[in-house]
Amino acid sequence: MNTDNVNSLKSEKCIYDITKFTHLDYPDHLASIFWFNGCNMRCDFCYNKDIVFAKEGSYTLEDALAFLHTRKHLLDAVVLSGGEASSYDLTVFCQEIKKLGFLIKLDTNGTNPLHVKKLLDLDLLDYVALDYKAPQYKFTQITHSNKYDEFSKTLDLLINSDIEFEVRTTLHADLLNSEDINLILLDLKARGYDKAYYIQEFLDTQNNIGNLQKSSKSFDKSKLLSNFPVIWR
């Protein structure tokens, strides 16, 4: 690795925390999770509030690689999450992870399509989990961002690639109803998405950005389109 690459790994503490072991976050693989500081969205339901607003983390990319050296032959994979990991230049980092023999999964809100494309073109990702926050008409209301077009480009990029990936939505029934989820399903179908669609039910940790509590409304699953594979988590 040249000097510039070394400096890029040492430059800032961009990783808020490290989950040393998980068997839930990367399908069929044992992994660790690197939680990157900061996010360009402020989703009301987000329970990673401390990570989203963090100015500095606890680890540099070099620290994270040093940790992975201790997990060779013990773990299969690394999950890059956040916050929003794709807000950082991950190219050199992912190249070094690959040299250690790990698979790489990216959790993303899809708002950095050019960066995701670069990682895909360099064959540095093995799996992507893309968050579909809301249908277009509610996207800004829920995410407090104007990034739907960027998200849309990333979704099309993944659908037209060979990468293994999933699309998922976090559901809080005060924010999204069955009609909203059906709009997402219709949009996915129109784009040619033919995989399972995952719905993650809101987790009340008492520390979310919108200060949300358990939904006061019920969600009628029977109203969802029946010709699309929906998996609840």
C-alpha atoms as a PDB file:
ATOM      1  CA  MET A   1       0.000   0.000   0.000  1.00  0.00           C
ATOM      2  CA  ASN A   2       1.457   3.409  -0.930  1.00  0.00           C
ATOM      3  CA  THR A   3       1.851   6.383   1.412  1.00  0.00           C
ATOM      4  CA  ASP A   4      -1.309   8.143   0.227  1.00  0.00           C
ATOM      5  CA  ASN A   5      -3.360   5.035   0.908  1.00  0.00           C
ATOM      6  CA  VAL A   6      -1.879   4.667   4.389  1.00  0.00           C
ATOM      7  CA  ASN A   7      -2.704   8.294   5.194  1.00  0.00           C
ATOM      8  CA  SER A   8      -6.272   7.869   3.963  1.00  0.00           C
ATOM      9  CA  LEU A   9      -6.758   5.055   6.475  1.00  0.00           C
ATOM     10  CA  LYS A  10      -5.245   6.995   9.375  1.00  0.00           C
ATOM     11  CA  SER A  11      -6.802  10.393   8.725  1.00  0.00           C
ATOM     12  CA  GLU A  12      -9.932  10.486  10.899  1.00  0.00           C
ATOM     13  CA  LYS A  13     -11.918   8.517  13.413  1.00  0.00           C
ATOM     14  CA  CYS A  14     -14.855   7.938  11.074  1.00  0.00           C
ATOM     15  CA  ILE A  15     -16.067   4.706  12.691  1.00  0.00           C
ATOM     16  CA  TYR A  16     -18.331   5.296  15.678  1.00  0.00           C
ATOM     17  CA  ASP A  17     -18.272   1.738  16.951  1.00  0.00           C
ATOM     18  CA  ILE A  18     -17.535  -1.867  16.006  1.00  0.00           C
ATOM     19  CA  THR A  19     -19.860  -4.807  16.581  1.00  0.00           C
ATOM     20  CA  LYS A  20     -17.394  -7.645  16.854  1.00  0.00           C
ATOM     21  CA  PHE A  21     -19.764 -10.482  15.986  1.00  0.00           C
ATOM     22  CA  THR A  22     -23.173 -10.891  14.382  1.00  0.00           C
ATOM     23  CA  HIS A  23     -24.946 -13.747  12.643  1.00  0.00           C
ATOM     24  CA  LEU A  24     -28.018 -11.652  11.786  1.00  0.00           C
ATOM     25  CA  ASP A  25     -26.801  -8.771   9.605  1.00  0.00           C
ATOM     26  CA  TYR A  26     -25.248 -10.627   6.672  1.00  0.00           C
ATOM     27  CA  PRO A  27     -27.396 -13.505   5.388  1.00  0.00           C
ATOM     28  CA  ASP A  28     -25.768 -16.888   6.035  1.00  0.00           C
ATOM     29  CA  HIS A  29     -22.467 -15.394   7.197  1.00  0.00           C
ATOM     30  CA  LEU A  30     -20.707 -14.549  10.447  1.00  0.00           C
ATOM     31  CA  ALA A  31     -19.663 -10.917  10.361  1.00  0.00           C
ATOM     32  CA  SER A  32     -18.554  -7.841  12.219  1.00  0.00           C
ATOM     33  CA  ILE A  33     -20.202  -4.426  11.732  1.00  0.00           C
ATOM     34  CA  PHE A  34     -18.427  -1.104  11.309  1.00  0.00           C
ATOM     35  CA  TRP A  35     -20.750   1.782  12.218  1.00  0.00           C
ATOM     36  CA  PHE A  36     -19.742   4.947  10.342  1.00  0.00           C
ATOM     37  CA  ASN A  37     -20.357   8.422  11.820  1.00  0.00           C
ATOM     38  CA  GLY A  38     -22.891  10.790  10.336  1.00  0.00           C
ATOM     39  CA  CYS A  39     -25.702  10.636   7.821  1.00  0.00           C
ATOM     40  CA  ASN A  40     -27.197  12.925   5.185  1.00  0.00           C
ATOM     41  CA  MET A  41     -30.717  12.012   6.311  1.00  0.00           C
ATOM     42  CA  ARG A  42     -32.632  12.586   9.527  1.00  0.00           C
ATOM     43  CA  CYS A  43     -35.226   9.817   9.385  1.00  0.00           C
ATOM     44  CA  ASP A  44     -37.793  10.159  12.166  1.00  0.00           C
ATOM     45  CA  PHE A  45     -37.703   6.441  13.019  1.00  0.00           C
ATOM     46  CA  CYS A  46     -33.891   6.153  13.092  1.00  0.00           C
ATOM     47  CA  TYR A  47     -32.689   4.594  16.339  1.00  0.00           C
ATOM     48  CA  ASN A  48     -29.003   5.218  15.563  1.00  0.00           C
ATOM     49  CA  LYS A  49     -29.414   8.825  16.667  1.00  0.00           C
ATOM     50  CA  ASP A  50     -26.057   8.994  18.447  1.00  0.00           C
ATOM     51  CA  ILE A  51     -24.244   7.702  15.357  1.00  0.00           C
ATOM     52  CA  VAL A  52     -26.059  10.057  12.975  1.00  0.00           C
ATOM     53  CA  PHE A  53     -25.132  13.155  14.983  1.00  0.00           C
ATOM     54  CA  ALA A  54     -21.622  12.051  15.994  1.00  0.00           C
ATOM     55  CA  LYS A  55     -18.821  14.424  14.966  1.00  0.00           C
ATOM     56  CA  GLU A  56     -16.094  11.890  15.679  1.00  0.00           C
ATOM     57  CA  GLY A  57     -15.989   8.184  16.358  1.00  0.00           C
ATOM     58  CA  SER A  58     -13.711   5.860  18.268  1.00  0.00           C
ATOM     59  CA  TYR A  59     -11.798   4.203  15.416  1.00  0.00           C
ATOM     60  CA  THR A  60      -9.926   5.059  12.241  1.00  0.00           C
ATOM     61  CA  LEU A  61     -10.094   2.821   9.192  1.00  0.00           C
ATOM     62  CA  GLU A  62      -6.622   1.594  10.100  1.00  0.00           C
ATOM     63  CA  ASP A  63      -7.914   0.620  13.557  1.00  0.00           C
ATOM     64  CA  ALA A  64     -10.719  -1.319  11.908  1.00  0.00           C
ATOM     65  CA  LEU A  65      -8.296  -3.202   9.680  1.00  0.00           C
ATOM     66  CA  ALA A  66      -6.134  -4.034  12.684  1.00  0.00           C
ATOM     67  CA  PHE A  67      -9.217  -5.521  14.336  1.00  0.00           C
ATOM     68  CA  LEU A  68      -9.979  -7.591  11.230  1.00  0.00           C
ATOM     69  CA  HIS A  69      -6.478  -9.064  11.309  1.00  0.00           C
ATOM     70  CA  THR A  70      -7.481 -10.647  14.622  1.00  0.00           C
ATOM     71  CA  ARG A  71     -10.633 -12.130  13.087  1.00  0.00           C
ATOM     72  CA  LYS A  72      -9.154 -13.875  10.055  1.00  0.00           C
ATOM     73  CA  HIS A  73     -10.540 -17.428   9.753  1.00  0.00           C
ATOM     74  CA  LEU A  74     -13.050 -16.624  12.524  1.00  0.00           C
ATOM     75  CA  LEU A  75     -15.458 -14.414  10.575  1.00  0.00           C
ATOM     76  CA  ASP A  76     -16.622 -14.533   6.962  1.00  0.00           C
ATOM     77  CA  ALA A  77     -17.609 -10.956   6.324  1.00  0.00           C
ATOM     78  CA  VAL A  78     -17.732  -7.281   7.208  1.00  0.00           C
ATOM     79  CA  VAL A  79     -20.844  -5.077   7.223  1.00  0.00           C
ATOM     80  CA  LEU A  80     -20.331  -1.369   6.503  1.00  0.00           C
ATOM     81  CA  SER A  81     -23.231   0.453   8.137  1.00  0.00           C
ATOM     82  CA  GLY A  82     -24.015   3.681   9.926  1.00  0.00           C
ATOM     83  CA  GLY A  83     -25.013   6.431   9.733  1.00  0.00           C
ATOM     84  CA  GLU A  84     -24.203   6.350   6.052  1.00  0.00           C
ATOM     85  CA  ALA A  85     -20.992   4.512   5.207  1.00  0.00           C
ATOM     86  CA  SER A  86     -21.069   5.524   1.536  1.00  0.00           C
ATOM     87  CA  SER A  87     -20.571   9.160   2.536  1.00  0.00           C
ATOM     88  CA  TYR A  88     -16.903   8.219   2.984  1.00  0.00           C
ATOM     89  CA  ASP A  89     -14.413   7.166   0.324  1.00  0.00           C
ATOM     90  CA  LEU A  90     -14.368   3.444   0.991  1.00  0.00           C
ATOM     91  CA  THR A  91     -12.314   2.311  -1.999  1.00  0.00           C
ATOM     92  CA  VAL A  92      -8.933   1.747  -0.360  1.00  0.00           C
ATOM     93  CA  PHE A  93     -10.554   0.449   2.812  1.00  0.00           C
ATOM     94  CA  CYS A  94     -12.561  -2.146   0.895  1.00  0.00           C
ATOM     95  CA  GLN A  95      -9.506  -3.163  -1.109  1.00  0.00           C
ATOM     96  CA  GLU A  96      -7.631  -3.856   2.122  1.00  0.00           C
ATOM     97  CA  ILE A  97     -10.585  -5.790   3.562  1.00  0.00           C
ATOM     98  CA  LYS A  98     -10.668  -7.922   0.427  1.00  0.00           C
ATOM     99  CA  LYS A  99      -6.947  -8.675   0.773  1.00  0.00           C
ATOM    100  CA  LEU A 100      -7.748 -10.159   4.182  1.00  0.00           C
ATOM    101  CA  GLY A 101     -10.276 -12.492   2.575  1.00  0.00           C
ATOM    102  CA  PHE A 102     -13.544 -11.071   3.910  1.00  0.00           C
ATOM    103  CA  LEU A 103     -16.828 -10.596   2.075  1.00  0.00           C
ATOM    104  CA  ILE A 104     -18.234  -7.046   2.223  1.00  0.00           C
ATOM    105  CA  LYS A 105     -21.860  -6.020   2.733  1.00  0.00           C
ATOM    106  CA  LEU A 106     -22.896  -2.367   2.433  1.00  0.00           C
ATOM    107  CA  ASP A 107     -25.953  -1.005   4.228  1.00  0.00           C
ATOM    108  CA  THR A 108     -26.954   2.206   2.462  1.00  0.00           C
ATOM    109  CA  ASN A 109     -29.680   4.783   1.970  1.00  0.00           C
ATOM    110  CA  GLY A 110     -28.623   4.958  -1.680  1.00  0.00           C
ATOM    111  CA  THR A 111     -27.862   8.668  -1.803  1.00  0.00           C
ATOM    112  CA  ASN A 112     -24.341   8.304  -3.188  1.00  0.00           C
ATOM    113  CA  PRO A 113     -24.911   6.419  -6.469  1.00  0.00           C
ATOM    114  CA  LEU A 114     -21.571   7.364  -8.037  1.00  0.00           C
ATOM    115  CA  HIS A 115     -19.651   5.981  -5.070  1.00  0.00           C
ATOM    116  CA  VAL A 116     -21.702   2.795  -5.010  1.00  0.00           C
ATOM    117  CA  LYS A 117     -21.110   2.401  -8.751  1.00  0.00           C
ATOM    118  CA  LYS A 118     -17.361   2.787  -8.266  1.00  0.00           C
ATOM    119  CA  LEU A 119     -17.326   0.079  -5.590  1.00  0.00           C
ATOM    120  CA  LEU A 120     -19.393  -2.214  -7.809  1.00  0.00           C
ATOM    121  CA  ASP A 121     -17.198  -1.562 -10.850  1.00  0.00           C
ATOM    122  CA  LEU A 122     -14.124  -2.490  -8.790  1.00  0.00           C
ATOM    123  CA  ASP A 123     -15.856  -5.660  -7.555  1.00  0.00           C
ATOM    124  CA  LEU A 124     -15.461  -4.578  -3.934  1.00  0.00           C
ATOM    125  CA  LEU A 125     -18.973  -5.370  -2.720  1.00  0.00           C
ATOM    126  CA  ASP A 126     -20.595  -8.770  -2.278  1.00  0.00           C
ATOM    127  CA  TYR A 127     -23.990  -7.768  -0.920  1.00  0.00           C
ATOM    128  CA  VAL A 128     -25.953  -4.524  -0.578  1.00  0.00           C
ATOM    129  CA  ALA A 129     -28.944  -3.743   1.630  1.00  0.00           C
ATOM    130  CA  LEU A 130     -30.744  -0.688   0.263  1.00  0.00           C
ATOM    131  CA  ASP A 131     -33.200   1.227   2.436  1.00  0.00           C
ATOM    132  CA  TYR A 132     -36.335   2.339   0.587  1.00  0.00           C
ATOM    133  CA  LYS A 133     -37.427   4.912   3.129  1.00  0.00           C
ATOM    134  CA  ALA A 134     -40.783   5.934   1.676  1.00  0.00           C
ATOM    135  CA  PRO A 135     -42.669   6.407  -1.578  1.00  0.00           C
ATOM    136  CA  GLN A 136     -41.588   9.499  -3.488  1.00  0.00           C
ATOM    137  CA  TYR A 137     -44.380  11.761  -2.255  1.00  0.00           C
ATOM    138  CA  LYS A 138     -43.468  11.071   1.396  1.00  0.00           C
ATOM    139  CA  PHE A 139     -39.711  10.727   0.999  1.00  0.00           C
ATOM    140  CA  THR A 140     -38.726  14.246   2.098  1.00  0.00           C
ATOM    141  CA  GLN A 141     -41.274  14.282   4.906  1.00  0.00           C
ATOM    142  CA  ILE A 142     -39.803  11.130   6.478  1.00  0.00           C
ATOM    143  CA  THR A 143     -36.086  11.524   5.676  1.00  0.00           C
ATOM    144  CA  HIS A 144     -35.859  15.327   5.948  1.00  0.00           C
ATOM    145  CA  SER A 145     -33.760  15.277   2.785  1.00  0.00           C
ATOM    146  CA  ASN A 146     -34.248  15.924  -0.924  1.00  0.00           C
ATOM    147  CA  LYS A 147     -32.359  12.831  -2.035  1.00  0.00           C
ATOM    148  CA  TYR A 148     -35.034  10.743  -3.738  1.00  0.00           C
ATOM    149  CA  ASP A 149     -33.472  11.106  -7.188  1.00  0.00           C
ATOM    150  CA  GLU A 150     -30.097   9.897  -5.904  1.00  0.00           C
ATOM    151  CA  PHE A 151     -31.758   6.967  -4.140  1.00  0.00           C
ATOM    152  CA  SER A 152     -33.653   6.149  -7.336  1.00  0.00           C
ATOM    153  CA  LYS A 153     -30.428   6.035  -9.357  1.00  0.00           C
ATOM    154  CA  THR A 154     -28.848   3.648  -6.849  1.00  0.00           C
ATOM    155  CA  LEU A 155     -31.896   1.376  -6.929  1.00  0.00           C
ATOM    156  CA  ASP A 156     -31.771   1.181 -10.731  1.00  0.00           C
ATOM    157  CA  LEU A 157     -28.010   0.636 -10.599  1.00  0.00           C
ATOM    158  CA  LEU A 158     -28.402  -2.357  -8.302  1.00  0.00           C
ATOM    159  CA  ILE A 159     -31.295  -3.850 -10.272  1.00  0.00           C
ATOM    160  CA  ASN A 160     -29.216  -3.680 -13.455  1.00  0.00           C
ATOM    161  CA  SER A 161     -26.102  -5.148 -11.816  1.00  0.00           C
ATOM    162  CA  ASP A 162     -25.127  -8.698 -10.901  1.00  0.00           C
ATOM    163  CA  ILE A 163     -24.694  -7.881  -7.208  1.00  0.00           C
ATOM    164  CA  GLU A 164     -26.680  -9.796  -4.618  1.00  0.00           C
ATOM    165  CA  PHE A 165     -28.843  -7.249  -2.814  1.00  0.00           C
ATOM    166  CA  GLU A 166     -32.061  -6.619  -0.958  1.00  0.00           C
ATOM    167  CA  VAL A 167     -34.500  -3.736  -0.608  1.00  0.00           C
ATOM    168  CA  ARG A 168     -35.980  -3.042   2.796  1.00  0.00           C
ATOM    169  CA  THR A 169     -38.256  -0.529   4.517  1.00  0.00           C
ATOM    170  CA  THR A 170     -38.576   0.337   8.189  1.00  0.00           C
ATOM    171  CA  LEU A 171     -42.247   0.504   9.087  1.00  0.00           C
ATOM    172  CA  HIS A 172     -43.786   2.798  11.672  1.00  0.00           C
ATOM    173  CA  ALA A 173     -47.535   2.777  11.099  1.00  0.00           C
ATOM    174  CA  ASP A 174     -47.883   6.442  12.076  1.00  0.00           C
ATOM    175  CA  LEU A 175     -45.631   7.294   9.115  1.00  0.00           C
ATOM    176  CA  LEU A 176     -46.407   4.671   6.459  1.00  0.00           C
ATOM    177  CA  ASN A 177     -49.685   2.880   5.753  1.00  0.00           C
ATOM    178  CA  SER A 178     -50.542  -0.062   3.524  1.00  0.00           C
ATOM    179  CA  GLU A 179     -51.160   2.234   0.538  1.00  0.00           C
ATOM    180  CA  ASP A 180     -47.645   3.637   0.924  1.00  0.00           C
ATOM    181  CA  ILE A 181     -46.087   0.186   1.022  1.00  0.00           C
ATOM    182  CA  ASN A 182     -48.105  -0.814  -2.037  1.00  0.00           C
ATOM    183  CA  LEU A 183     -46.741   2.226  -3.885  1.00  0.00           C
ATOM    184  CA  ILE A 184     -43.236   0.995  -3.073  1.00  0.00           C
ATOM    185  CA  LEU A 185     -44.103  -2.516  -4.265  1.00  0.00           C
ATOM    186  CA  LEU A 186     -45.557  -1.194  -7.525  1.00  0.00           C
ATOM    187  CA  ASP A 187     -42.485   0.943  -8.115  1.00  0.00           C
ATOM    188  CA  LEU A 188     -40.160  -2.004  -7.494  1.00  0.00           C
ATOM    189  CA  LYS A 189     -42.148  -4.173  -9.881  1.00  0.00           C
ATOM    190  CA  ALA A 190     -42.110  -1.469 -12.568  1.00  0.00           C
ATOM    191  CA  ARG A 191     -38.315  -1.215 -12.295  1.00  0.00           C
ATOM    192  CA  GLY A 192     -37.869  -4.963 -12.691  1.00  0.00           C
ATOM    193  CA  TYR A 193     -37.035  -5.842  -9.087  1.00  0.00           C
ATOM    194  CA  ASP A 194     -37.803  -9.540  -8.664  1.00  0.00           C
ATOM    195  CA  LYS A 195     -36.389 -10.378  -5.231  1.00  0.00           C
ATOM    196  CA  ALA A 196     -37.978 -10.484  -1.799  1.00  0.00           C
ATOM    197  CA  TYR A 197     -38.882  -7.168  -0.234  1.00  0.00           C
ATOM    198  CA  TYR A 198     -38.200  -6.848   3.478  1.00  0.00           C
ATOM    199  CA  ILE A 199     -40.226  -4.868   5.996  1.00  0.00           C
ATOM    200  CA  GLN A 200     -38.502  -4.129   9.304  1.00  0.00           C
ATOM    201  CA  GLU A 201     -40.893  -3.211  12.065  1.00  0.00           C
ATOM    202  CA  PHE A 202     -39.975  -0.105  14.042  1.00  0.00           C
ATOM    203  CA  LEU A 203     -37.846  -0.774  17.103  1.00  0.00           C
ATOM    204  CA  ASP A 204     -38.589   1.544  20.022  1.00  0.00           C
ATOM    205  CA  THR A 205     -35.276   2.184  21.760  1.00  0.00           C
ATOM    206  CA  GLN A 206     -36.418   5.433  23.407  1.00  0.00           C
ATOM    207  CA  ASN A 207     -33.650   7.199  21.467  1.00  0.00           C
ATOM    208  CA  ASN A 208     -34.871   7.840  17.933  1.00  0.00           C
ATOM    209  CA  ILE A 209     -34.540  11.057  15.947  1.00  0.00           C
ATOM    210  CA  GLY A 210     -38.261  11.838  15.785  1.00  0.00           C
ATOM    211  CA  ASN A 211     -38.886  10.927  19.435  1.00  0.00           C
ATOM    212  CA  LEU A 212     -41.376   8.353  18.184  1.00  0.00           C
ATOM    213  CA  GLN A 213     -43.032   5.830  20.418  1.00  0.00           C
ATOM    214  CA  LYS A 214     -44.862   2.655  19.480  1.00  0.00           C
ATOM    215  CA  SER A 215     -47.385   3.378  16.769  1.00  0.00           C
ATOM    216  CA  SER A 216     -50.880   4.350  17.838  1.00  0.00           C
ATOM    217  CA  LYS A 217     -52.223   2.939  14.553  1.00  0.00           C
ATOM    218  CA  SER A 218     -52.540  -0.635  13.378  1.00  0.00           C
ATOM    219  CA  PHE A 219     -51.115  -1.768  10.053  1.00  0.00           C
ATOM    220  CA  ASP A 220     -53.384  -3.942   7.934  1.00  0.00           C
ATOM    221  CA  LYS A 221     -51.140  -6.521   6.273  1.00  0.00           C
ATOM    222  CA  SER A 222     -54.101  -7.989   4.427  1.00  0.00           C
ATOM    223  CA  LYS A 223     -54.215  -4.903   2.189  1.00  0.00           C
ATOM    224  CA  LEU A 224     -50.737  -5.445   0.773  1.00  0.00           C
ATOM    225  CA  LEU A 225     -50.378  -6.599  -2.802  1.00  0.00           C
ATOM    226  CA  SER A 226     -50.316 -10.372  -2.802  1.00  0.00           C
ATOM    227  CA  ASN A 227     -48.261 -10.895  -5.991  1.00  0.00           C
ATOM    228  CA  PHE A 228     -44.979  -9.746  -4.459  1.00  0.00           C
ATOM    229  CA  PRO A 229     -42.807 -11.662  -1.943  1.00  0.00           C
ATOM    230  CA  VAL A 230     -42.831  -9.653   1.287  1.00  0.00           C
ATOM    231  CA  ILE A 231     -40.809 -10.828   4.283  1.00  0.00           C
ATOM    232  CA  TRP A 232     -41.345  -9.325   7.737  1.00  0.00           C
ATOM    233  CA  ARG A 233     -38.468  -8.868  10.150  1.00  0.00           C
END
